[in-house]
C-alpha atoms as a PDB file:
ATOM      1  CA  MET A   1      50.208  48.705 127.606  1.00  0.00           C
ATOM      2  CA  PRO A   2      47.149  50.749 128.561  1.00  0.00           C
ATOM      3  CA  GLU A   3      44.385  51.449 126.117  1.00  0.00           C
ATOM      4  CA  ILE A   4      45.261  54.486 124.047  1.00  0.00           C
ATOM      5  CA  ALA A   5      43.311  57.546 125.132  1.00  0.00           C
ATOM      6  CA  PRO A   6      42.383  60.585 123.056  1.00  0.00           C
ATOM      7  CA  VAL A   7      45.075  63.259 122.986  1.00  0.00           C
ATOM      8  CA  SER A   8      45.030  66.988 122.425  1.00  0.00           C
ATOM      9  CA  PRO A   9      45.878  68.097 118.874  1.00  0.00           C
ATOM     10  CA  ALA A  10      49.517  68.820 118.140  1.00  0.00           C
ATOM     11  CA  PRO A  11      50.367  72.131 116.478  1.00  0.00           C
ATOM     12  CA  GLY A  12      48.979  72.046 112.942  1.00  0.00           C
ATOM     13  CA  ASP A  13      46.652  69.080 113.552  1.00  0.00           C
ATOM     14  CA  GLU A  14      43.634  71.316 113.621  1.00  0.00           C
ATOM     15  CA  GLU A  15      44.414  72.266 110.016  1.00  0.00           C
ATOM     16  CA  LEU A  16      44.372  68.678 108.738  1.00  0.00           C
ATOM     17  CA  PRO A  17      41.994  68.680 105.771  1.00  0.00           C
ATOM     18  CA  ARG A  18      38.823  66.687 106.341  1.00  0.00           C
ATOM     19  CA  ALA A  19      39.546  64.600 103.247  1.00  0.00           C
ATOM     20  CA  GLU A  20      42.834  63.400 104.749  1.00  0.00           C
ATOM     21  CA  ARG A  21      41.365  62.243 108.047  1.00  0.00           C
ATOM     22  CA  GLY A  22      39.953  59.060 106.575  1.00  0.00           C
ATOM     23  CA  THR A  23      42.783  58.239 104.183  1.00  0.00           C
ATOM     24  CA  PRO A  24      44.307  54.736 104.149  1.00  0.00           C
ATOM     25  CA  ALA A  25      47.528  56.040 105.716  1.00  0.00           C
ATOM     26  CA  ILE A  26      45.686  57.598 108.665  1.00  0.00           C
ATOM     27  CA  GLN A  27      43.524  54.499 109.042  1.00  0.00           C
ATOM     28  CA  ALA A  28      46.611  52.274 109.046  1.00  0.00           C
ATOM     29  CA  VAL A  29      48.160  54.261 111.910  1.00  0.00           C
ATOM     30  CA  GLU A  30      44.932  54.099 113.915  1.00  0.00           C
ATOM     31  CA  ARG A  31      44.642  50.351 113.412  1.00  0.00           C
ATOM     32  CA  ALA A  32      48.262  49.746 114.373  1.00  0.00           C
ATOM     33  CA  ALA A  33      47.720  51.809 117.526  1.00  0.00           C
ATOM     34  CA  THR A  34      44.585  49.810 118.318  1.00  0.00           C
ATOM     35  CA  ILE A  35      46.510  46.537 118.077  1.00  0.00           C
ATOM     36  CA  LEU A  36      49.366  47.757 120.290  1.00  0.00           C
ATOM     37  CA  GLY A  37      46.910  49.251 122.768  1.00  0.00           C
ATOM     38  CA  ALA A  38      45.118  45.920 123.140  1.00  0.00           C
ATOM     39  CA  PHE A  39      47.950  44.495 125.240  1.00  0.00           C
ATOM     40  CA  SER A  40      48.140  45.096 128.984  1.00  0.00           C
ATOM     41  CA  VAL A  41      49.937  43.765 132.034  1.00  0.00           C
ATOM     42  CA  GLY A  42      46.927  41.575 132.751  1.00  0.00           C
ATOM     43  CA  ARG A  43      46.763  40.359 129.130  1.00  0.00           C
ATOM     44  CA  PRO A  44      50.293  40.449 127.715  1.00  0.00           C
ATOM     45  CA  ARG A  45      49.625  37.752 125.087  1.00  0.00           C
ATOM     46  CA  LEU A  46      46.695  37.739 122.665  1.00  0.00           C
ATOM     47  CA  SER A  47      45.471  35.527 119.836  1.00  0.00           C
ATOM     48  CA  LEU A  48      44.726  36.669 116.303  1.00  0.00           C
ATOM     49  CA  ASN A  49      41.016  36.177 117.013  1.00  0.00           C
ATOM     50  CA  GLU A  50      41.227  38.545 119.988  1.00  0.00           C
ATOM     51  CA  LEU A  51      43.071  41.170 117.961  1.00  0.00           C
ATOM     52  CA  THR A  52      40.600  40.784 115.102  1.00  0.00           C
ATOM     53  CA  ALA A  53      37.703  41.416 117.494  1.00  0.00           C
ATOM     54  CA  ARG A  54      39.478  44.468 118.873  1.00  0.00           C
ATOM     55  CA  LEU A  55      40.033  45.872 115.383  1.00  0.00           C
ATOM     56  CA  GLY A  56      36.554  45.080 114.134  1.00  0.00           C
ATOM     57  CA  THR A  57      37.918  43.909 110.801  1.00  0.00           C
ATOM     58  CA  SER A  58      38.295  40.614 108.960  1.00  0.00           C
ATOM     59  CA  LYS A  59      40.888  38.128 110.199  1.00  0.00           C
ATOM     60  CA  ALA A  60      42.838  38.601 106.957  1.00  0.00           C
ATOM     61  CA  THR A  61      43.098  42.344 107.607  1.00  0.00           C
ATOM     62  CA  ALA A  62      44.167  41.813 111.211  1.00  0.00           C
ATOM     63  CA  HIS A  63      46.796  39.301 110.089  1.00  0.00           C
ATOM     64  CA  ARG A  64      48.155  41.795 107.565  1.00  0.00           C
ATOM     65  CA  TYR A  65      48.628  44.398 110.295  1.00  0.00           C
ATOM     66  CA  THR A  66      50.209  41.977 112.770  1.00  0.00           C
ATOM     67  CA  LYS A  67      52.642  40.859 110.060  1.00  0.00           C
ATOM     68  CA  ALA A  68      53.663  44.462 109.400  1.00  0.00           C
ATOM     69  CA  LEU A  69      54.123  45.159 113.125  1.00  0.00           C
ATOM     70  CA  ARG A  70      56.223  42.013 113.499  1.00  0.00           C
ATOM     71  CA  SER A  71      58.483  43.155 110.668  1.00  0.00           C
ATOM     72  CA  VAL A  72      59.472  46.265 112.694  1.00  0.00           C
ATOM     73  CA  ASN A  73      59.747  44.388 116.018  1.00  0.00           C
ATOM     74  CA  LEU A  74      56.668  45.992 117.558  1.00  0.00           C
ATOM     75  CA  LEU A  75      55.055  42.552 117.879  1.00  0.00           C
ATOM     76  CA  ARG A  76      56.351  39.061 118.567  1.00  0.00           C
ATOM     77  CA  TYR A  77      54.641  35.816 117.615  1.00  0.00           C
ATOM     78  CA  ASP A  78      54.870  32.504 119.453  1.00  0.00           C
ATOM     79  CA  GLU A  79      54.254  29.885 116.764  1.00  0.00           C
ATOM     80  CA  ARG A  80      53.894  27.058 119.255  1.00  0.00           C
ATOM     81  CA  GLU A  81      51.069  28.728 121.163  1.00  0.00           C
ATOM     82  CA  ALA A  82      49.831  30.937 118.304  1.00  0.00           C
ATOM     83  CA  LEU A  83      49.904  34.040 120.511  1.00  0.00           C
ATOM     84  CA  TYR A  84      51.171  37.581 119.945  1.00  0.00           C
ATOM     85  CA  SER A  85      52.957  39.817 122.463  1.00  0.00           C
ATOM     86  CA  LEU A  86      54.623  43.219 122.324  1.00  0.00           C
ATOM     87  CA  GLY A  87      58.027  43.221 120.650  1.00  0.00           C
ATOM     88  CA  PRO A  88      61.403  44.568 121.813  1.00  0.00           C
ATOM     89  CA  GLN A  89      61.051  47.830 119.870  1.00  0.00           C
ATOM     90  CA  VAL A  90      58.260  48.816 122.280  1.00  0.00           C
ATOM     91  CA  LEU A  91      60.829  48.894 125.102  1.00  0.00           C
ATOM     92  CA  THR A  92      62.965  51.335 123.134  1.00  0.00           C
ATOM     93  CA  LEU A  93      59.967  53.569 122.468  1.00  0.00           C
ATOM     94  CA  SER A  94      58.919  53.332 126.110  1.00  0.00           C
ATOM     95  CA  ALA A  95      62.358  54.439 127.282  1.00  0.00           C
ATOM     96  CA  ALA A  96      62.305  57.342 124.828  1.00  0.00           C
ATOM     97  CA  ALA A  97      58.842  58.369 126.019  1.00  0.00           C
ATOM     98  CA  ARG A  98      59.978  58.371 129.645  1.00  0.00           C
ATOM     99  CA  ALA A  99      63.069  60.394 128.734  1.00  0.00           C
ATOM    100  CA  GLY A 100      60.795  63.031 127.235  1.00  0.00           C
ATOM    101  CA  LEU A 101      59.038  63.677 130.537  1.00  0.00           C
ATOM    102  CA  PRO A 102      60.492  66.904 132.007  1.00  0.00           C
ATOM    103  CA  ILE A 103      59.714  65.750 135.553  1.00  0.00           C
ATOM    104  CA  ILE A 104      62.381  63.035 135.241  1.00  0.00           C
ATOM    105  CA  THR A 105      65.188  65.518 134.639  1.00  0.00           C
ATOM    106  CA  ILE A 106      63.921  68.070 137.160  1.00  0.00           C
ATOM    107  CA  ALA A 107      63.459  65.437 139.881  1.00  0.00           C
ATOM    108  CA  GLY A 108      66.968  63.990 139.455  1.00  0.00           C
ATOM    109  CA  PRO A 109      68.874  66.198 141.919  1.00  0.00           C
ATOM    110  CA  TYR A 110      66.082  65.911 144.495  1.00  0.00           C
ATOM    111  CA  MET A 111      66.099  62.122 144.279  1.00  0.00           C
ATOM    112  CA  GLU A 112      69.881  62.048 144.634  1.00  0.00           C
ATOM    113  CA  GLU A 113      69.608  64.237 147.727  1.00  0.00           C
ATOM    114  CA  LEU A 114      66.991  61.919 149.205  1.00  0.00           C
ATOM    115  CA  VAL A 115      69.199  58.881 148.563  1.00  0.00           C
ATOM    116  CA  ARG A 116      71.972  60.607 150.522  1.00  0.00           C
ATOM    117  CA  GLU A 117      69.639  61.521 153.401  1.00  0.00           C
ATOM    118  CA  ALA A 118      67.662  58.278 153.659  1.00  0.00           C
ATOM    119  CA  GLY A 119      70.314  55.831 152.473  1.00  0.00           C
ATOM    120  CA  GLU A 120      67.723  53.826 150.522  1.00  0.00           C
ATOM    121  CA  THR A 121      66.438  53.372 146.984  1.00  0.00           C
ATOM    122  CA  VAL A 122      64.336  56.300 145.740  1.00  0.00           C
ATOM    123  CA  VAL A 123      61.691  55.863 143.055  1.00  0.00           C
ATOM    124  CA  LEU A 124      59.747  58.338 140.905  1.00  0.00           C
ATOM    125  CA  SER A 125      56.453  57.305 139.286  1.00  0.00           C
ATOM    126  CA  VAL A 126      53.887  58.983 137.039  1.00  0.00           C
ATOM    127  CA  TRP A 127      50.246  58.168 136.299  1.00  0.00           C
ATOM    128  CA  ASP A 128      49.621  56.527 132.911  1.00  0.00           C
ATOM    129  CA  GLY A 129      45.822  56.707 132.988  1.00  0.00           C
ATOM    130  CA  ASP A 130      45.413  53.355 134.720  1.00  0.00           C
ATOM    131  CA  THR A 131      48.044  53.138 137.439  1.00  0.00           C
ATOM    132  CA  ALA A 132      51.445  54.344 138.651  1.00  0.00           C
ATOM    133  CA  VAL A 133      54.424  53.620 136.377  1.00  0.00           C
ATOM    134  CA  VAL A 134      58.042  53.818 137.567  1.00  0.00           C
ATOM    135  CA  VAL A 135      60.010  56.290 135.411  1.00  0.00           C
ATOM    136  CA  ARG A 136      63.213  56.770 137.414  1.00  0.00           C
ATOM    137  CA  VAL A 137      65.087  54.832 140.093  1.00  0.00           C
ATOM    138  CA  ASP A 138      68.104  56.025 142.109  1.00  0.00           C
ATOM    139  CA  ASP A 139      69.830  53.323 144.195  1.00  0.00           C
ATOM    140  CA  ASN A 140      72.112  53.681 147.149  1.00  0.00           C
ATOM    141  CA  THR A 141      75.113  51.820 145.771  1.00  0.00           C
ATOM    142  CA  ASP A 142      76.972  52.081 149.110  1.00  0.00           C
ATOM    143  CA  ARG A 143      74.632  49.577 150.755  1.00  0.00           C
ATOM    144  CA  THR A 144      75.618  45.902 150.854  1.00  0.00           C
ATOM    145  CA  VAL A 145      71.952  44.979 150.463  1.00  0.00           C
ATOM    146  CA  ARG A 146      69.621  47.291 148.595  1.00  0.00           C
ATOM    147  CA  ILE A 147      66.214  47.065 146.982  1.00  0.00           C
ATOM    148  CA  SER A 148      66.128  47.402 143.205  1.00  0.00           C
ATOM    149  CA  VAL A 149      63.022  48.548 141.322  1.00  0.00           C
ATOM    150  CA  ARG A 150      62.639  48.145 137.564  1.00  0.00           C
ATOM    151  CA  THR A 151      62.072  51.278 135.509  1.00  0.00           C
ATOM    152  CA  GLY A 152      58.860  50.818 133.542  1.00  0.00           C
ATOM    153  CA  ALA A 153      57.237  48.677 136.233  1.00  0.00           C
ATOM    154  CA  ARG A 154      53.489  49.286 136.583  1.00  0.00           C
ATOM    155  CA  LEU A 155      52.469  49.347 140.245  1.00  0.00           C
ATOM    156  CA  SER A 156      49.177  48.272 141.757  1.00  0.00           C
ATOM    157  CA  MET A 157      46.689  51.126 141.752  1.00  0.00           C
ATOM    158  CA  SER A 158      45.280  50.262 145.185  1.00  0.00           C
ATOM    159  CA  ARG A 159      47.899  48.059 146.854  1.00  0.00           C
ATOM    160  CA  SER A 160      51.123  50.012 146.302  1.00  0.00           C
ATOM    161  CA  ALA A 161      52.064  53.107 148.300  1.00  0.00           C
ATOM    162  CA  GLN A 162      52.566  55.149 145.145  1.00  0.00           C
ATOM    163  CA  GLY A 163      49.324  53.945 143.590  1.00  0.00           C
ATOM    164  CA  ARG A 164      47.438  54.945 146.719  1.00  0.00           C
ATOM    165  CA  VAL A 165      48.973  58.416 146.680  1.00  0.00           C
ATOM    166  CA  PHE A 166      47.640  58.917 143.158  1.00  0.00           C
ATOM    167  CA  CYS A 167      44.237  57.572 144.250  1.00  0.00           C
ATOM    168  CA  ALA A 168      44.223  60.062 147.121  1.00  0.00           C
ATOM    169  CA  PHE A 169      44.998  63.158 145.065  1.00  0.00           C
ATOM    170  CA  LEU A 170      43.551  62.467 141.623  1.00  0.00           C
ATOM    171  CA  ASP A 171      39.883  63.114 140.915  1.00  0.00           C
ATOM    172  CA  GLU A 172      37.932  59.898 141.415  1.00  0.00           C
ATOM    173  CA  ASP A 173      36.868  59.772 137.770  1.00  0.00           C
ATOM    174  CA  GLU A 174      40.527  59.824 136.689  1.00  0.00           C
ATOM    175  CA  VAL A 175      41.176  56.468 138.379  1.00  0.00           C
ATOM    176  CA  PRO A 176      39.407  53.579 136.600  1.00  0.00           C
ATOM    177  CA  GLY A 177      37.219  51.587 138.979  1.00  0.00           C
ATOM    178  CA  LEU A 178      38.147  53.595 142.075  1.00  0.00           C
ATOM    179  CA  GLY A 179      34.575  54.587 142.910  1.00  0.00           C
ATOM    180  CA  SER A 180      33.308  51.011 143.034  1.00  0.00           C
ATOM    181  CA  LEU A 181      36.442  49.871 144.862  1.00  0.00           C
ATOM    182  CA  LEU A 182      35.926  52.465 147.598  1.00  0.00           C
ATOM    183  CA  ARG A 183      32.300  51.424 147.995  1.00  0.00           C
ATOM    184  CA  ARG A 184      33.435  47.842 148.602  1.00  0.00           C
ATOM    185  CA  ASN A 185      36.438  48.762 150.731  1.00  0.00           C
ATOM    186  CA  PRO A 186      35.773  51.426 153.396  1.00  0.00           C
ATOM    187  CA  ASP A 187      39.219  50.773 154.914  1.00  0.00           C
ATOM    188  CA  LEU A 188      40.831  51.972 151.686  1.00  0.00           C
ATOM    189  CA  ARG A 189      38.671  55.099 151.745  1.00  0.00           C
ATOM    190  CA  GLN A 190      39.890  55.815 155.281  1.00  0.00           C
ATOM    191  CA  GLU A 191      43.498  55.285 154.237  1.00  0.00           C
ATOM    192  CA  LEU A 192      43.176  57.672 151.296  1.00  0.00           C
ATOM    193  CA  GLU A 193      41.757  60.299 153.652  1.00  0.00           C
ATOM    194  CA  ALA A 194      44.768  59.786 155.942  1.00  0.00           C
ATOM    195  CA  ILE A 195      47.122  60.186 152.970  1.00  0.00           C
ATOM    196  CA  ARG A 196      45.448  63.468 152.043  1.00  0.00           C
ATOM    197  CA  GLU A 197      45.802  64.586 155.653  1.00  0.00           C
ATOM    198  CA  ASN A 198      49.435  63.533 156.181  1.00  0.00           C
ATOM    199  CA  GLY A 199      50.752  63.846 152.620  1.00  0.00           C
ATOM    200  CA  ILE A 200      52.367  60.412 152.834  1.00  0.00           C
ATOM    201  CA  SER A 201      51.553  56.729 152.290  1.00  0.00           C
ATOM    202  CA  VAL A 202      53.239  53.737 153.934  1.00  0.00           C
ATOM    203  CA  ASN A 203      52.939  50.262 152.470  1.00  0.00           C
ATOM    204  CA  THR A 204      54.384  47.019 153.843  1.00  0.00           C
ATOM    205  CA  PRO A 205      53.341  43.895 151.898  1.00  0.00           C
ATOM    206  CA  ALA A 206      53.257  40.956 154.261  1.00  0.00           C
ATOM    207  CA  ASP A 207      55.006  38.580 151.878  1.00  0.00           C
ATOM    208  CA  ASN A 208      58.293  40.220 150.878  1.00  0.00           C
ATOM    209  CA  GLY A 209      59.844  42.169 153.768  1.00  0.00           C
ATOM    210  CA  VAL A 210      59.922  45.398 151.739  1.00  0.00           C
ATOM    211  CA  ARG A 211      58.522  48.732 152.922  1.00  0.00           C
ATOM    212  CA  THR A 212      57.665  51.729 150.746  1.00  0.00           C
ATOM    213  CA  ILE A 213      56.813  55.250 151.834  1.00  0.00           C
ATOM    214  CA  ALA A 214      55.532  57.611 149.157  1.00  0.00           C
ATOM    215  CA  ALA A 215      54.598  61.281 148.814  1.00  0.00           C
ATOM    216  CA  PRO A 216      52.984  63.330 146.027  1.00  0.00           C
ATOM    217  CA  VAL A 217      54.588  65.890 143.730  1.00  0.00           C
ATOM    218  CA  PHE A 218      52.330  68.649 142.365  1.00  0.00           C
ATOM    219  CA  GLN A 219      52.343  71.116 139.519  1.00  0.00           C
ATOM    220  CA  ASP A 220      49.613  73.748 139.216  1.00  0.00           C
ATOM    221  CA  ALA A 221      47.694  72.068 142.066  1.00  0.00           C
ATOM    222  CA  THR A 222      47.627  68.783 140.120  1.00  0.00           C
ATOM    223  CA  ILE A 223      49.552  65.682 141.157  1.00  0.00           C
ATOM    224  CA  VAL A 224      52.113  64.910 138.442  1.00  0.00           C
ATOM    225  CA  ALA A 225      54.284  62.284 140.147  1.00  0.00           C
ATOM    226  CA  THR A 226      54.996  60.387 143.330  1.00  0.00           C
ATOM    227  CA  MET A 227      58.375  60.058 145.015  1.00  0.00           C
ATOM    228  CA  ALA A 228      59.036  57.060 147.219  1.00  0.00           C
ATOM    229  CA  ILE A 229      61.651  55.505 149.471  1.00  0.00           C
ATOM    230  CA  VAL A 230      61.919  51.724 149.137  1.00  0.00           C
ATOM    231  CA  GLY A 231      63.831  49.558 151.580  1.00  0.00           C
ATOM    232  CA  THR A 232      63.616  46.581 153.880  1.00  0.00           C
ATOM    233  CA  THR A 233      61.265  46.590 156.860  1.00  0.00           C
ATOM    234  CA  ALA A 234      64.334  46.521 159.103  1.00  0.00           C
ATOM    235  CA  ALA A 235      65.772  49.685 157.536  1.00  0.00           C
ATOM    236  CA  VAL A 236      62.654  51.792 156.833  1.00  0.00           C
ATOM    237  CA  ALA A 237      60.323  52.657 159.720  1.00  0.00           C
ATOM    238  CA  ASP A 238      56.573  52.521 159.181  1.00  0.00           C
ATOM    239  CA  GLU A 239      55.765  55.738 161.067  1.00  0.00           C
ATOM    240  CA  THR A 240      54.813  58.792 159.029  1.00  0.00           C
ATOM    241  CA  GLY A 241      56.845  60.877 161.483  1.00  0.00           C
ATOM    242  CA  SER A 242      60.089  58.916 161.027  1.00  0.00           C
ATOM    243  CA  PRO A 243      63.223  60.760 159.852  1.00  0.00           C
ATOM    244  CA  ALA A 244      63.039  59.058 156.441  1.00  0.00           C
ATOM    245  CA  ALA A 245      59.382  60.024 156.016  1.00  0.00           C
ATOM    246  CA  GLN A 246      60.093  63.601 157.000  1.00  0.00           C
ATOM    247  CA  SER A 247      63.012  63.797 154.561  1.00  0.00           C
ATOM    248  CA  LEU A 248      60.734  62.468 151.844  1.00  0.00           C
ATOM    249  CA  LEU A 249      58.071  65.059 152.644  1.00  0.00           C
ATOM    250  CA  HIS A 250      60.591  67.897 152.707  1.00  0.00           C
ATOM    251  CA  ILE A 251      62.222  66.971 149.399  1.00  0.00           C
ATOM    252  CA  SER A 252      58.976  66.197 147.555  1.00  0.00           C
ATOM    253  CA  ARG A 253      57.661  69.555 148.729  1.00  0.00           C
ATOM    254  CA  SER A 254      60.811  71.298 147.473  1.00  0.00           C
ATOM    255  CA  LEU A 255      60.340  69.652 144.084  1.00  0.00           C
ATOM    256  CA  THR A 256      56.690  70.746 144.082  1.00  0.00           C
ATOM    257  CA  GLN A 257      57.763  74.321 144.777  1.00  0.00           C
ATOM    258  CA  GLU A 258      60.272  74.266 141.907  1.00  0.00           C
ATOM    259  CA  LEU A 259      57.462  73.122 139.614  1.00  0.00           C
ATOM    260  CA  GLY A 260      55.543  76.233 140.614  1.00  0.00           C
ATOM    261  CA  ALA A 261      52.936  74.757 142.926  1.00  0.00           C
ATOM    262  CA  SER A 262      52.469  74.441 146.647  1.00  0.00           C
ATOM    263  CA  GLY A 263      50.189  71.410 146.507  1.00  0.00           C
ATOM    264  CA  PRO A 264      46.878  70.996 148.295  1.00  0.00           C
ATOM    265  CA  ILE A 265      46.494  72.093 151.878  1.00  0.00           C
ATOM    266  CA  THR A 266      47.411  69.084 153.993  1.00  0.00           C
ATOM    267  CA  ARG A 267      49.272  68.620 157.230  1.00  0.00           C
ATOM    268  CA  GLY A 268      52.077  66.969 155.229  1.00  0.00           C
ATOM    269  CA  PHE A 269      52.304  70.008 152.963  1.00  0.00           C
END
C-alpha cells in the first residue's frame, strides 16, 4: 500500500473546529492510517519495531494500535516470525475503492469492444501516486489460451507498458524517482519520447512470452488511465501500426473524447 498522501478537504471539513483537530479520536485515525500506509509491495511484512519507528510513539502505543487493527482484520500477525502484514479486510476496502472510480464504469463498454476487435485480454489501470494499478480486466473467454491479469496488481513504473505510458504523460514530479532514473537511463528517456509521439507503448518481457501494448486515456488534458491489450507474443504483434495497436488507439481515443478531452497533440492522437 502506498504512503498516504494529503487529500483535498471533503465538504464540511473546512469547518472542523480547531479544538477538534487534535482530539484523541482524530489522532487515533491518523495513527491507524500511518500504520496501514507503512506497508508496500516491496515491504509487505513489518515488525513492531518498524511500525513503532514509523509512528514515532512508544512500542506500547504501537502495539495497542496494531492490536485494534488486528481485531477488525485490517492487520494480520505471524506469531512464528513476529511480523505484521495487511489483513483481508483491506482487500474488501480496496475493491470498494476501485468500484468508486467513475472511469471503471465508463470504460467498460469500450473495453468490451476492444476485446471483440483484438480477441485478447484488455486491462485498465490508474495511477496511485507511485505506479500503475490494475482496476479492471476483461478477458476473451472464447480463447482456448488467454492471459489473465489480477485486478489490484501494481505494475512496474518503468518496466511495464502501462507504467511507461504514465511516465510519458504525467509531469516528471508526479512520478517518484523518475528524474533520477531518466538521468541514468537515456534509453528510457528516448522510449518515453516515442510514446508521446505515437501515443502507444509496447512491452515484451524476455522471460514470459507475454506482450502488452498500452495507450493513455485523458480527461481535461490530464492522463487518468491507461488501456492495454495483453496477449502472447505469438498473438500480439509488436509494431505500433499493427491492427491490434490501431484498434487500441482508436478505442482509447473514443473513451478520451467521452470524458471530454482530446488528449495532448501526438501522432497517436
